[in-house]
Amino acid sequence: MQRFLLSWGAAIFLLGDLTCPGQAGIGEKLQLQIIYFNFEMVQVTWNASEYSGTNLTFLYTFSSEGEYDQCTRYILQHSHTVGCLLDTNDDGILYFSIRNGLQPVLTESRWITDYLKPSSPRGLRFLWCKEQVTVTCSNLSYGDFLYEVQHRSTFDTTWQSKEEKTCHVTVRGLDAEKCYYLRARVKTDELSYGPSTYPSDWSEVTFWQGGQRRDSCPEEQQAVEPKFPKFILICSLVSLLTVWLLLLSLWKLRRVKKLLIPSIPDPKASFPGLFEQHQGNFQQEWIKDTQDVAQLNKMGSGGEQDCGPEDALVVQVANVPKTMGPVCLKMGDEESSRGSLQFPHQLPKGGNVVSLGGFTFVTSDNSYVML
């Protein structure tokens, strides 16, 4: 209730100041930063580009009805005022006015606890027990704080945090063989102080291994280097080996299949011309070409068989050393001719016997007969 009344009074005070002629819009160019250090000191700094090189005056009061006091501890930068330090332990409102000579530049009021920054934890104690450590310290005099402890091993790239409402934080799941970095700080509860507060500075980093404090961790550089490239290299090698084994297995399987189940040769490649000329059926095409062959004997008018070039039977046998020409026989000599044309009792070996028009031929695999 008191805080509400003070804020309400601050709003009335601001409305009264904003009625000053010529002040509207001047404070927009002035950037402020307020930090309340551990309920002990307020630091107000400003940065105004329009007033660079000008010594601004800071007037303040902690009472809505009190008179302004001038700052006695200015923060200087290049011999010009850029801020003011105020000693106070009050949980109230700061009324202030920044002026350039007698002209007001900015007049406002702020609740200083909204910009609280607690002090770092002091007197940290570390109690190790197997795979956990308990960090303790003295609690701050004010409440609504969070005590944060962070740890990181030499094999970690990021910090891991643990928070408690009191300075009694236990971190579990640690490895006694690893070297750890430990640090702590204090944070404000946003529900109690708002979102504009600041966490405290980190405490000094301490090094621990096996429950014993060390001066440093021997593998400090390894903590910065990521472990992912080595892992990616191993995964890549395993993937390449798996692909190579798979291809080798497919190749072996193809060879085994070819050995056990040989492929049937294509007749097109083995017998050229069979499919181009005979459509793959040589027997039917041969019958079609030979079924209309004319008779060998042709009777003349004189009762004798005429021999002429048009009646000659031409027989061509490939790879046969002897060729039999046409023979003319008379009717009277038919019986003698029959006896003279008797085949020997033993046929030559190594071929097939072909009979055409009373003639018998012995052919080999590479022979053919053209009529």
Protein backbone atom coordinates (compact mmCIF):
# COMPACT_ATOMS: atom_id res chain seq x y z
CA MET A 1 0.00 0.00 0.00
CA GLN A 2 2.85 2.37 0.84
CA ARG A 3 4.53 1.59 -2.47
CA PHE A 4 1.30 2.31 -4.34
CA LEU A 5 0.87 5.69 -2.62
CA LEU A 6 4.46 6.65 -3.34
CA SER A 7 4.05 5.77 -7.03
CA TRP A 8 0.83 7.75 -7.14
CA GLY A 9 2.59 10.73 -5.59
CA ALA A 10 5.45 10.36 -8.09
CA ALA A 11 2.98 10.49 -10.96
CA ILE A 12 1.48 13.74 -9.57
CA PHE A 13 4.99 15.14 -9.19
CA LEU A 14 5.81 14.29 -12.82
CA LEU A 15 2.60 15.86 -14.08
CA GLY A 16 3.52 19.04 -12.27
CA ASP A 17 6.97 19.08 -13.85
CA LEU A 18 5.68 18.35 -17.34
CA THR A 19 3.69 21.57 -17.22
CA CYS A 20 6.92 23.53 -17.39
CA PRO A 21 7.04 25.50 -20.67
CA GLY A 22 9.41 24.21 -23.34
CA GLN A 23 10.21 20.88 -21.63
CA ALA A 24 8.05 18.48 -23.62
CA GLY A 25 10.18 16.28 -25.89
CA ILE A 26 13.52 17.35 -24.42
CA GLY A 27 14.03 14.23 -22.30
CA GLU A 28 13.49 11.87 -25.24
CA LYS A 29 17.06 12.51 -26.42
CA LEU A 30 18.50 11.73 -22.97
CA GLN A 31 19.15 8.04 -22.28
CA LEU A 32 19.21 6.99 -18.62
CA GLN A 33 20.50 3.92 -16.78
CA ILE A 34 19.76 3.37 -13.08
CA ILE A 35 21.40 0.66 -10.95
CA TYR A 36 20.67 0.14 -7.27
CA PHE A 37 23.67 -1.72 -5.80
CA ASN A 38 22.62 -4.08 -2.99
CA PHE A 39 20.39 -1.51 -1.19
CA GLU A 40 23.43 0.64 -0.57
CA MET A 41 24.05 3.00 -3.48
CA VAL A 42 22.16 4.30 -6.52
CA GLN A 43 24.01 5.02 -9.75
CA VAL A 44 22.31 7.21 -12.35
CA THR A 45 24.08 7.70 -15.69
CA TRP A 46 22.95 9.47 -18.85
CA ASN A 47 24.01 9.74 -22.45
CA ALA A 48 22.71 12.70 -24.48
CA SER A 49 24.17 13.24 -27.94
CA GLU A 50 22.72 16.77 -28.16
CA TYR A 51 24.41 17.77 -24.88
CA SER A 52 27.78 16.12 -25.49
CA GLY A 53 30.54 18.27 -24.08
CA THR A 54 28.14 19.98 -21.66
CA ASN A 55 28.21 19.65 -17.88
CA LEU A 56 24.65 18.78 -16.88
CA THR A 57 23.48 19.26 -13.30
CA PHE A 58 21.72 16.50 -11.34
CA LEU A 59 19.20 17.43 -8.62
CA TYR A 60 17.41 14.78 -6.55
CA THR A 61 15.28 14.04 -3.49
CA PHE A 62 13.73 10.93 -1.91
CA SER A 63 10.63 12.74 -0.68
CA SER A 64 7.79 14.03 -2.80
CA GLU A 65 7.54 17.16 -0.61
CA GLY A 66 11.25 17.69 -0.01
CA GLU A 67 13.54 20.14 -1.69
CA TYR A 68 16.06 19.12 -4.36
CA ASP A 69 19.64 18.47 -3.37
CA GLN A 70 22.47 18.75 -5.85
CA CYS A 71 24.65 15.74 -6.55
CA THR A 72 28.00 15.77 -4.79
CA ARG A 73 29.54 12.68 -6.47
CA TYR A 74 29.48 13.09 -10.20
CA ILE A 75 30.74 10.52 -12.68
CA LEU A 76 33.01 12.23 -15.19
CA GLN A 77 33.95 11.27 -18.73
CA HIS A 78 36.38 13.46 -20.66
CA SER A 79 36.00 16.05 -17.90
CA HIS A 80 32.21 16.24 -18.36
CA THR A 81 29.44 14.95 -16.11
CA VAL A 82 27.77 11.71 -17.28
CA GLY A 83 26.24 10.44 -14.02
CA CYS A 84 25.79 10.67 -10.28
CA LEU A 85 26.27 8.33 -7.27
CA LEU A 86 23.84 8.54 -4.36
CA ASP A 87 24.18 6.78 -1.00
CA THR A 88 20.90 5.44 0.34
CA ASN A 89 19.41 2.34 1.93
CA ASP A 90 15.81 3.33 1.36
CA ASP A 91 13.24 1.25 -0.50
CA GLY A 92 11.47 4.19 -2.05
CA ILE A 93 11.18 6.53 -4.99
CA LEU A 94 13.93 8.71 -6.39
CA TYR A 95 12.77 12.10 -7.66
CA PHE A 96 15.38 13.79 -9.85
CA SER A 97 15.84 16.54 -12.39
CA ILE A 98 18.67 16.86 -14.90
CA ARG A 99 19.29 20.43 -16.01
CA ASN A 100 21.47 22.34 -18.40
CA GLY A 101 22.19 25.39 -16.29
CA LEU A 102 18.74 26.62 -15.19
CA GLN A 103 16.85 24.89 -18.03
CA PRO A 104 15.40 21.45 -17.14
CA VAL A 105 16.42 18.69 -19.57
CA LEU A 106 14.63 15.76 -17.92
CA THR A 107 12.52 15.47 -14.76
CA GLU A 108 11.30 12.07 -13.61
CA SER A 109 10.83 9.73 -10.64
CA ARG A 110 11.71 6.03 -10.43
CA TRP A 111 11.24 3.29 -7.85
CA ILE A 112 14.87 2.38 -7.21
CA THR A 113 14.25 -1.24 -6.18
CA ASP A 114 13.06 -1.90 -9.75
CA TYR A 115 16.74 -1.58 -10.74
CA LEU A 116 18.22 -3.59 -7.89
CA LYS A 117 21.50 -5.43 -8.40
CA PRO A 118 22.39 -7.67 -5.44
CA SER A 119 25.96 -8.29 -4.40
CA SER A 120 27.85 -11.46 -5.31
CA PRO A 121 27.66 -14.36 -2.84
CA ARG A 122 30.48 -14.32 -0.32
CA GLY A 123 32.11 -17.02 1.73
CA LEU A 124 31.20 -19.89 -0.57
CA ARG A 125 31.71 -23.36 0.90
CA PHE A 126 31.82 -26.60 -1.11
CA LEU A 127 30.89 -29.90 0.51
CA TRP A 128 31.64 -32.94 -1.68
CA CYS A 129 29.99 -36.30 -1.13
CA LYS A 130 30.58 -39.02 -3.75
CA GLU A 131 29.02 -37.74 -6.99
CA GLN A 132 27.48 -34.50 -5.71
CA VAL A 133 28.55 -31.18 -4.23
CA THR A 134 26.63 -28.80 -1.96
CA VAL A 135 27.39 -25.07 -2.22
CA THR A 136 26.50 -22.88 0.78
CA CYS A 137 26.97 -19.23 1.72
CA SER A 138 25.42 -16.53 3.90
CA ASN A 139 21.97 -15.43 2.75
CA LEU A 140 21.43 -11.77 1.96
CA SER A 141 19.52 -9.64 4.45
CA TYR A 142 16.62 -9.10 2.04
CA GLY A 143 14.43 -11.85 0.70
CA ASP A 144 12.98 -12.88 -2.67
CA PHE A 145 16.34 -13.89 -4.17
CA LEU A 146 17.48 -16.89 -6.20
CA TYR A 147 20.93 -18.39 -5.65
CA GLU A 148 22.34 -19.88 -8.85
CA VAL A 149 25.28 -22.29 -9.05
CA GLN A 150 26.80 -23.22 -12.42
CA HIS A 151 29.23 -26.04 -13.19
CA ARG A 152 31.08 -27.22 -16.27
CA SER A 153 33.60 -30.00 -16.82
CA THR A 154 36.56 -29.92 -19.17
CA PHE A 155 34.52 -31.96 -21.66
CA ASP A 156 31.50 -29.59 -21.67
CA THR A 157 31.07 -26.57 -23.93
CA THR A 158 28.28 -24.87 -21.96
CA TRP A 159 27.50 -24.18 -18.31
CA GLN A 160 24.79 -26.10 -16.45
CA SER A 161 22.76 -24.25 -13.80
CA LYS A 162 20.97 -25.11 -10.57
CA GLU A 163 18.89 -22.54 -8.61
CA GLU A 164 17.50 -22.46 -5.08
CA LYS A 165 15.73 -19.83 -2.97
CA THR A 166 18.39 -20.13 -0.27
CA CYS A 167 22.14 -20.33 -0.54
CA HIS A 168 22.16 -24.10 -0.14
CA VAL A 169 22.42 -25.57 -3.62
CA THR A 170 23.21 -29.24 -4.28
CA VAL A 171 24.52 -30.33 -7.68
CA ARG A 172 24.22 -34.07 -8.41
CA GLY A 173 25.42 -36.44 -11.11
CA LEU A 174 29.08 -35.41 -11.13
CA ASP A 175 32.03 -37.60 -12.12
CA ALA A 176 34.81 -37.75 -9.54
CA GLU A 177 37.44 -38.32 -12.25
CA LYS A 178 36.59 -35.13 -14.15
CA CYS A 179 37.78 -31.62 -13.36
CA TYR A 180 34.95 -29.12 -12.84
CA TYR A 181 34.58 -25.34 -12.91
CA LEU A 182 32.17 -23.92 -10.29
CA ARG A 183 30.79 -20.40 -9.87
CA ALA A 184 27.74 -18.76 -8.23
CA ARG A 185 25.66 -15.59 -8.33
CA VAL A 186 22.44 -14.07 -6.93
CA LYS A 187 19.34 -13.20 -8.98
CA THR A 188 16.21 -11.29 -8.02
CA ASP A 189 12.75 -12.80 -8.18
CA GLU A 190 10.97 -11.18 -11.11
CA LEU A 191 7.57 -11.45 -9.41
CA SER A 192 8.82 -9.33 -6.48
CA TYR A 193 11.19 -6.86 -8.14
CA GLY A 194 10.09 -6.72 -11.80
CA PRO A 195 11.94 -7.41 -15.06
CA SER A 196 14.37 -4.45 -14.96
CA THR A 197 16.66 -5.76 -12.19
CA TYR A 198 20.20 -7.03 -12.67
CA PRO A 199 21.80 -10.29 -11.48
CA SER A 200 24.89 -10.01 -9.33
CA ASP A 201 28.37 -10.50 -10.70
CA TRP A 202 29.67 -14.05 -10.82
CA SER A 203 31.83 -15.22 -7.99
CA GLU A 204 35.39 -16.31 -8.61
CA VAL A 205 35.62 -19.55 -10.60
CA THR A 206 37.04 -22.44 -8.58
CA PHE A 207 38.43 -25.74 -9.93
CA TRP A 208 37.57 -29.10 -8.36
CA GLN A 209 38.50 -32.69 -9.13
CA GLY A 210 37.74 -35.73 -6.99
CA GLY A 211 36.50 -33.52 -4.15
CA GLN A 212 39.83 -31.64 -4.04
CA ARG A 213 40.37 -28.05 -5.03
CA ARG A 214 42.82 -27.48 -7.88
CA ASP A 215 44.65 -24.43 -9.12
CA SER A 216 43.38 -25.10 -12.65
CA CYS A 217 42.09 -27.89 -14.83
CA PRO A 218 44.83 -29.53 -16.94
CA GLU A 219 42.51 -29.97 -19.93
CA GLU A 220 41.30 -26.40 -20.06
CA GLN A 221 41.88 -26.08 -23.80
CA GLN A 222 39.93 -29.24 -24.53
CA ALA A 223 36.85 -27.74 -22.92
CA VAL A 224 36.73 -25.08 -25.62
CA GLU A 225 37.30 -27.43 -28.55
CA PRO A 226 34.09 -29.16 -29.65
CA LYS A 227 34.02 -32.95 -29.87
CA PHE A 228 31.72 -33.09 -32.88
CA PRO A 229 34.32 -33.21 -35.73
CA LYS A 230 35.85 -36.45 -34.42
CA PHE A 231 32.42 -38.00 -34.03
CA ILE A 232 31.44 -36.98 -37.56
CA LEU A 233 34.68 -38.46 -38.94
CA ILE A 234 34.03 -41.80 -37.26
CA CYS A 235 30.43 -41.90 -38.53
CA SER A 236 31.58 -41.10 -42.08
CA LEU A 237 34.14 -43.90 -42.06
CA VAL A 238 31.56 -46.39 -40.78
CA SER A 239 29.10 -45.32 -43.48
CA LEU A 240 31.68 -45.72 -46.26
CA LEU A 241 32.67 -49.15 -44.97
CA THR A 242 29.02 -50.24 -44.87
CA VAL A 243 28.40 -49.09 -48.46
CA TRP A 244 31.56 -50.87 -49.66
CA LEU A 245 30.53 -54.13 -47.99
CA LEU A 246 27.05 -53.86 -49.50
CA LEU A 247 28.43 -53.39 -53.02
CA LEU A 248 30.84 -56.27 -52.52
CA SER A 249 28.00 -58.51 -51.37
CA LEU A 250 25.91 -57.63 -54.43
CA TRP A 251 28.83 -58.38 -56.74
CA LYS A 252 29.48 -61.73 -55.06
CA LEU A 253 25.77 -62.59 -55.21
CA ARG A 254 25.71 -61.88 -58.94
CA ARG A 255 28.70 -64.16 -59.55
CA VAL A 256 27.19 -66.98 -57.49
CA LYS A 257 23.85 -66.63 -59.28
CA LYS A 258 25.57 -66.74 -62.66
CA LEU A 259 27.51 -69.85 -61.62
CA LEU A 260 24.50 -71.74 -60.27
CA ILE A 261 21.94 -70.57 -62.84
CA PRO A 262 23.73 -69.90 -66.15
CA SER A 263 21.91 -67.67 -68.58
CA ILE A 264 20.38 -69.09 -71.79
CA PRO A 265 22.20 -67.74 -74.87
CA ASP A 266 20.23 -65.60 -77.24
CA PRO A 267 19.71 -67.39 -80.60
CA LYS A 268 19.88 -64.10 -82.40
CA ALA A 269 23.55 -63.79 -81.51
CA SER A 270 24.42 -67.45 -82.17
CA PHE A 271 22.60 -67.79 -85.55
CA PRO A 272 22.84 -64.54 -87.50
CA GLY A 273 20.17 -64.22 -90.20
CA LEU A 274 17.79 -66.71 -88.57
CA PHE A 275 15.46 -64.04 -87.27
CA GLU A 276 16.11 -61.46 -90.00
CA GLN A 277 15.17 -63.81 -92.89
CA HIS A 278 13.17 -66.65 -91.35
CA GLN A 279 11.65 -65.01 -88.24
CA GLY A 280 13.26 -67.65 -86.04
CA ASN A 281 11.52 -70.66 -87.75
CA PHE A 282 13.99 -72.13 -90.22
CA GLN A 283 12.06 -75.39 -90.76
CA GLN A 284 8.82 -73.75 -91.92
CA GLU A 285 10.67 -71.39 -94.23
CA TRP A 286 12.64 -74.29 -95.77
CA ILE A 287 9.43 -76.25 -96.50
CA LYS A 288 7.86 -73.18 -98.09
CA ASP A 289 10.87 -72.75 -100.39
CA THR A 290 11.08 -76.46 -101.45
CA GLN A 291 7.46 -77.61 -101.73
CA ASP A 292 7.05 -76.37 -105.36
CA VAL A 293 10.19 -78.02 -106.81
CA ALA A 294 9.64 -79.32 -110.41
CA GLN A 295 9.98 -83.03 -111.44
CA LEU A 296 13.36 -84.15 -112.62
CA ASN A 297 12.28 -86.28 -115.72
CA LYS A 298 10.89 -84.61 -118.78
CA MET A 299 9.82 -86.82 -121.71
CA GLY A 300 10.48 -85.74 -125.32
CA SER A 301 8.61 -86.52 -128.49
CA GLY A 302 11.05 -89.17 -129.65
CA GLY A 303 10.56 -91.40 -126.69
CA GLU A 304 13.88 -90.54 -125.29
CA GLN A 305 14.66 -88.28 -122.41
CA ASP A 306 15.90 -84.98 -123.63
CA CYS A 307 18.81 -83.37 -121.97
CA GLY A 308 19.19 -79.71 -122.23
CA PRO A 309 20.42 -76.81 -120.26
CA GLU A 310 16.90 -75.87 -119.16
CA ASP A 311 16.29 -79.41 -117.83
CA ALA A 312 19.54 -79.79 -115.98
CA LEU A 313 19.49 -80.31 -112.27
CA VAL A 314 22.06 -78.07 -110.65
CA VAL A 315 23.32 -79.28 -107.32
CA GLN A 316 25.81 -77.26 -105.32
CA VAL A 317 27.36 -78.88 -102.27
CA ALA A 318 29.67 -76.79 -100.06
CA ASN A 319 32.87 -78.33 -98.74
CA VAL A 320 32.46 -81.47 -100.94
CA PRO A 321 35.57 -82.26 -102.99
CA LYS A 322 33.77 -84.01 -105.88
CA THR A 323 30.81 -82.64 -107.81
CA MET A 324 28.44 -84.82 -109.74
CA GLY A 325 27.17 -83.33 -113.01
CA PRO A 326 23.98 -84.08 -114.92
CA VAL A 327 23.58 -87.55 -116.53
CA CYS A 328 21.51 -88.41 -119.59
CA LEU A 329 20.17 -91.94 -119.89
CA LYS A 330 18.40 -93.72 -122.66
CA MET A 331 15.32 -95.79 -122.16
CA GLY A 332 17.05 -98.88 -123.39
CA ASP A 333 19.94 -98.59 -121.09
CA GLU A 334 17.79 -98.11 -118.02
CA GLU A 335 18.62 -101.43 -116.45
CA SER A 336 22.35 -101.14 -117.07
CA SER A 337 22.32 -97.64 -115.74
CA ARG A 338 20.53 -98.77 -112.64
CA GLY A 339 23.22 -101.26 -111.96
CA SER A 340 25.97 -98.76 -112.46
CA LEU A 341 24.43 -96.23 -110.10
CA GLN A 342 24.31 -98.45 -107.09
CA PHE A 343 25.67 -96.86 -103.92
CA PRO A 344 28.51 -98.52 -102.15
CA HIS A 345 27.63 -100.58 -99.19
CA GLN A 346 29.51 -98.25 -96.82
CA LEU A 347 28.68 -94.54 -96.78
CA PRO A 348 31.21 -91.91 -95.81
CA LYS A 349 31.16 -91.03 -92.16
CA GLY A 350 30.94 -87.66 -90.52
CA GLY A 351 27.86 -86.20 -92.32
CA ASN A 352 24.15 -86.40 -93.07
CA VAL A 353 22.59 -88.25 -96.07
CA VAL A 354 20.31 -86.12 -98.29
CA SER A 355 18.24 -87.65 -101.18
CA LEU A 356 16.89 -85.38 -103.91
CA GLY A 357 15.40 -86.57 -107.22
CA GLY A 358 17.10 -89.90 -107.06
CA PHE A 359 20.43 -88.49 -105.99
CA THR A 360 22.01 -89.04 -102.60
CA PHE A 361 24.41 -86.59 -101.00
CA VAL A 362 26.48 -86.70 -97.88
CA THR A 363 26.74 -83.30 -96.22
CA SER A 364 28.54 -81.99 -93.20
CA ASP A 365 27.35 -79.42 -90.64
CA ASN A 366 28.68 -76.56 -92.75
CA SER A 367 27.09 -77.75 -96.09
CA TYR A 368 23.92 -76.65 -97.81
CA VAL A 369 22.03 -77.62 -101.00
CA MET A 370 20.60 -75.03 -103.41
CA LEU A 371 18.04 -76.22 -105.99
